[in-house]
Amino acid sequence: MKNRIILLFLILNSVVAKSQIWDSLIIKTHPLRDIVTFNPNIAFEKMLGKKISVEIEFTYKNKDDEWGGKGIMDGYKKCFGYRTSVGLKKYFTKFKTIPTSWYVLGQIEYRNIYLPNFIFDKNGQQTFENINKYIFNVNVLFGKGFLISEHIFSEINFGVGIYSENWQAKYLSGSSIDFVNGDRNIKEFNPDFFINWDIGYLIK
């Protein structure tokens, strides 16, 4: 009998824990990343109270924009890699309730991207390279959520960040004024700017 009571307690405890995890949870995605750049992504936002939530996001990178040396962006290049981020949201709930009020999001993210056989073109000289990029971002975003229906949720946000990039290029072939038959390793800090739109499902 005692063992049965313990087993029942463990089962009930597991059910309660799971319900707490799934309650007040938003599962969402960035449609433009899914459709335009074919970078599938998913994010989970868990509301921890009336003003705070935590958010994690994962993106599988199929394409990435990279500077081609022509003075303009070459466009999106085929790549392999991922992007992951974690953030903490503070909602301003004076006039609206979470998650449909304005908020500020502090976010850190990491990107690991591999660009095979990338063509670097500078002053008519082309070099073929394999590129590895390791990027660490710290971002601050402002945004607002909207309930389209009882469970369908959408939000927009915008903001700025700064990123540290370790950019390693492995020479394959071609000629370049930057290097011939050698490798490059570039480290730099740059600002970043964001405008995001996502849509999701609210579990409550």
Protein backbone atom coordinates (compact mmCIF):
# COMPACT_ATOMS: atom_id res chain seq x y z
CA MET A 1 0.00 0.00 0.00
CA LYS A 2 2.79 2.40 0.92
CA ASN A 3 4.55 1.74 -2.38
CA ARG A 4 1.31 2.41 -4.28
CA ILE A 5 0.87 5.76 -2.51
CA ILE A 6 4.44 6.73 -3.37
CA LEU A 7 3.91 5.70 -7.01
CA LEU A 8 0.65 7.68 -7.22
CA PHE A 9 2.37 10.72 -5.70
CA LEU A 10 5.17 10.51 -8.26
CA ILE A 11 2.68 10.26 -11.15
CA LEU A 12 0.63 13.23 -9.91
CA ASN A 13 3.78 15.24 -9.34
CA SER A 14 4.91 14.51 -12.90
CA VAL A 15 1.53 15.58 -14.32
CA VAL A 16 1.54 18.82 -12.32
CA ALA A 17 5.12 19.59 -13.37
CA LYS A 18 4.27 19.04 -17.02
CA SER A 19 1.16 21.20 -16.83
CA GLN A 20 3.19 24.00 -15.25
CA ILE A 21 5.70 23.78 -18.08
CA TRP A 22 3.06 23.89 -20.83
CA ASP A 23 0.77 26.45 -19.22
CA SER A 24 1.25 30.07 -20.39
CA LEU A 25 3.64 29.00 -23.12
CA ILE A 26 3.94 30.46 -26.63
CA ILE A 27 5.37 28.36 -29.47
CA LYS A 28 6.27 30.59 -32.41
CA THR A 29 8.27 30.99 -35.60
CA HIS A 30 9.55 33.74 -37.94
CA PRO A 31 7.64 33.14 -41.22
CA LEU A 32 9.96 35.24 -43.39
CA ARG A 33 12.97 33.19 -42.29
CA ASP A 34 11.05 29.99 -43.00
CA ILE A 35 9.73 31.00 -46.44
CA VAL A 36 12.21 33.53 -47.88
CA THR A 37 15.59 32.25 -46.71
CA PHE A 38 14.55 28.63 -45.97
CA ASN A 39 15.97 28.85 -42.45
CA PRO A 40 13.47 26.85 -40.32
CA ASN A 41 13.19 28.17 -36.79
CA ILE A 42 11.22 27.65 -33.61
CA ALA A 43 10.99 29.63 -30.38
CA PHE A 44 9.45 28.98 -26.98
CA GLU A 45 8.38 31.78 -24.64
CA LYS A 46 7.44 30.83 -21.10
CA MET A 47 5.65 33.43 -18.98
CA LEU A 48 6.99 33.41 -15.43
CA GLY A 49 4.64 35.98 -13.94
CA LYS A 50 2.62 39.08 -14.73
CA LYS A 51 5.59 41.02 -16.16
CA ILE A 52 8.43 38.60 -16.93
CA SER A 53 8.99 35.82 -19.45
CA VAL A 54 11.95 33.85 -20.74
CA GLU A 55 12.46 32.96 -24.40
CA ILE A 56 14.67 30.45 -26.21
CA GLU A 57 15.01 30.13 -29.98
CA PHE A 58 16.71 27.80 -32.44
CA THR A 59 17.27 28.29 -36.19
CA TYR A 60 18.72 25.79 -38.64
CA LYS A 61 20.74 27.80 -41.18
CA ASN A 62 20.37 26.83 -44.84
CA LYS A 63 21.27 30.27 -46.22
CA ASP A 64 23.27 33.21 -44.94
CA ASP A 65 23.99 36.68 -46.29
CA GLU A 66 27.71 37.36 -46.72
CA TRP A 67 29.76 40.19 -48.15
CA GLY A 68 31.07 39.27 -51.60
CA GLY A 69 33.60 42.06 -52.01
CA LYS A 70 31.72 43.82 -54.84
CA GLY A 71 30.53 46.75 -52.78
CA ILE A 72 27.02 45.32 -52.42
CA MET A 73 25.52 42.31 -50.75
CA ASP A 74 25.74 39.31 -53.07
CA GLY A 75 22.58 37.92 -51.57
CA TYR A 76 21.96 34.79 -49.60
CA LYS A 77 24.49 31.98 -49.96
CA LYS A 78 24.05 28.28 -49.32
CA CYS A 79 25.41 27.38 -45.90
CA PHE A 80 25.22 24.88 -43.06
CA GLY A 81 24.88 25.80 -39.41
CA TYR A 82 22.62 27.06 -36.69
CA ARG A 83 21.63 30.06 -34.63
CA THR A 84 20.51 29.80 -31.01
CA SER A 85 19.43 32.51 -28.58
CA VAL A 86 18.06 33.04 -25.10
CA GLY A 87 16.35 36.16 -23.83
CA LEU A 88 14.52 37.72 -20.90
CA LYS A 89 11.43 39.88 -21.49
CA LYS A 90 10.12 42.66 -19.27
CA TYR A 91 6.52 43.61 -20.10
CA PHE A 92 5.02 47.04 -19.47
CA THR A 93 1.54 46.05 -18.31
CA LYS A 94 0.02 49.38 -17.26
CA PHE A 95 -2.54 49.42 -20.08
CA LYS A 96 -2.34 45.86 -21.47
CA THR A 97 -1.78 42.41 -19.99
CA ILE A 98 1.04 39.99 -20.77
CA PRO A 99 1.70 38.98 -23.58
CA THR A 100 -0.13 41.73 -25.54
CA SER A 101 1.64 44.72 -23.97
CA TRP A 102 4.82 46.49 -25.02
CA TYR A 103 8.03 44.89 -23.82
CA VAL A 104 11.80 45.15 -23.79
CA LEU A 105 13.82 42.03 -24.57
CA GLY A 106 17.43 41.47 -23.57
CA GLN A 107 18.90 38.72 -25.72
CA ILE A 108 22.16 36.87 -26.27
CA GLU A 109 22.70 34.66 -29.30
CA TYR A 110 25.32 32.46 -30.91
CA ARG A 111 25.69 31.58 -34.61
CA ASN A 112 27.87 28.85 -36.07
CA ILE A 113 27.87 28.98 -39.88
CA TYR A 114 29.83 27.19 -42.60
CA LEU A 115 29.89 28.61 -46.16
CA PRO A 116 31.48 26.13 -48.59
CA ASN A 117 33.15 27.25 -51.82
CA PHE A 118 32.39 30.94 -51.27
CA ILE A 119 33.41 33.28 -54.11
CA PHE A 120 35.16 36.44 -52.91
CA ASP A 121 35.36 39.02 -55.71
CA LYS A 122 37.47 42.16 -55.33
CA ASN A 123 38.55 44.43 -58.19
CA GLY A 124 37.87 41.69 -60.70
CA GLN A 125 39.98 39.12 -58.86
CA GLN A 126 38.20 36.05 -57.52
CA THR A 127 39.15 33.73 -54.72
CA PHE A 128 37.30 30.55 -53.80
CA GLU A 129 37.21 29.89 -50.06
CA ASN A 130 35.58 27.78 -47.40
CA ILE A 131 34.38 30.08 -44.62
CA ASN A 132 33.60 29.34 -40.98
CA LYS A 133 31.83 32.08 -39.01
CA TYR A 134 31.39 32.10 -35.24
CA ILE A 135 29.26 35.02 -34.07
CA PHE A 136 28.23 36.10 -30.58
CA ASN A 137 25.49 38.76 -30.27
CA VAL A 138 24.12 40.87 -27.42
CA ASN A 139 20.82 42.54 -28.40
CA VAL A 140 18.17 44.86 -26.96
CA LEU A 141 14.76 44.74 -28.66
CA PHE A 142 11.47 46.57 -28.17
CA GLY A 143 8.20 45.05 -29.30
CA LYS A 144 4.52 44.33 -28.85
CA GLY A 145 2.37 41.22 -28.97
CA PHE A 146 -1.10 40.73 -30.47
CA LEU A 147 -3.75 38.05 -29.98
CA ILE A 148 -5.36 37.31 -33.35
CA SER A 149 -7.70 34.80 -31.74
CA GLU A 150 -7.86 33.03 -28.38
CA HIS A 151 -4.70 31.05 -29.14
CA ILE A 152 -3.17 32.50 -32.33
CA PHE A 153 -0.49 35.00 -31.39
CA SER A 154 1.73 37.41 -33.33
CA GLU A 155 4.33 40.00 -32.42
CA ILE A 156 6.69 42.55 -33.93
CA ASN A 157 9.92 43.89 -32.47
CA PHE A 158 12.89 46.01 -33.46
CA GLY A 159 16.19 46.91 -31.88
CA VAL A 160 19.94 47.05 -31.96
CA GLY A 161 22.82 44.85 -30.92
CA ILE A 162 26.55 44.39 -31.11
CA TYR A 163 28.30 41.27 -32.29
CA SER A 164 31.72 39.71 -32.11
CA GLU A 165 32.63 37.71 -35.21
CA ASN A 166 35.44 35.24 -35.74
CA TRP A 167 35.64 34.76 -39.51
CA GLN A 168 37.97 32.01 -40.77
CA ALA A 169 38.59 31.53 -44.50
CA LYS A 170 40.32 28.48 -45.99
CA TYR A 171 41.87 29.18 -49.40
CA LEU A 172 40.79 26.81 -52.19
CA SER A 173 41.76 28.39 -55.51
CA GLY A 174 41.85 31.60 -57.53
CA SER A 175 43.72 34.87 -57.09
CA SER A 176 43.19 37.79 -54.77
CA ILE A 177 45.03 40.91 -53.72
CA ASP A 178 44.32 39.91 -50.12
CA PHE A 179 46.08 36.55 -50.15
CA VAL A 180 47.22 33.80 -52.45
CA ASN A 181 47.60 30.20 -51.25
CA GLY A 182 46.97 31.25 -47.66
CA ASP A 183 44.26 31.40 -45.02
CA ARG A 184 42.62 34.33 -43.28
CA ASN A 185 41.38 34.72 -39.74
CA ILE A 186 39.41 37.90 -39.04
CA LYS A 187 38.04 39.03 -35.68
CA GLU A 188 35.86 42.13 -35.47
CA PHE A 189 33.07 43.90 -33.58
CA ASN A 190 30.13 45.44 -35.44
CA PRO A 191 26.67 46.89 -34.70
CA ASP A 192 23.54 45.00 -35.70
CA PHE A 193 19.96 46.11 -36.41
CA PHE A 194 16.78 44.05 -36.22
CA ILE A 195 13.16 44.13 -37.36
CA ASN A 196 11.32 40.89 -36.62
CA TRP A 197 7.83 39.51 -37.10
CA ASP A 198 6.70 36.17 -35.78
CA ILE A 199 3.51 34.18 -35.35
CA GLY A 200 2.71 31.42 -32.93
CA TYR A 201 0.31 29.48 -30.74
CA LEU A 202 -0.49 30.44 -27.15
CA ILE A 203 -1.10 27.60 -24.69
CA LYS A 204 -3.05 28.76 -21.67
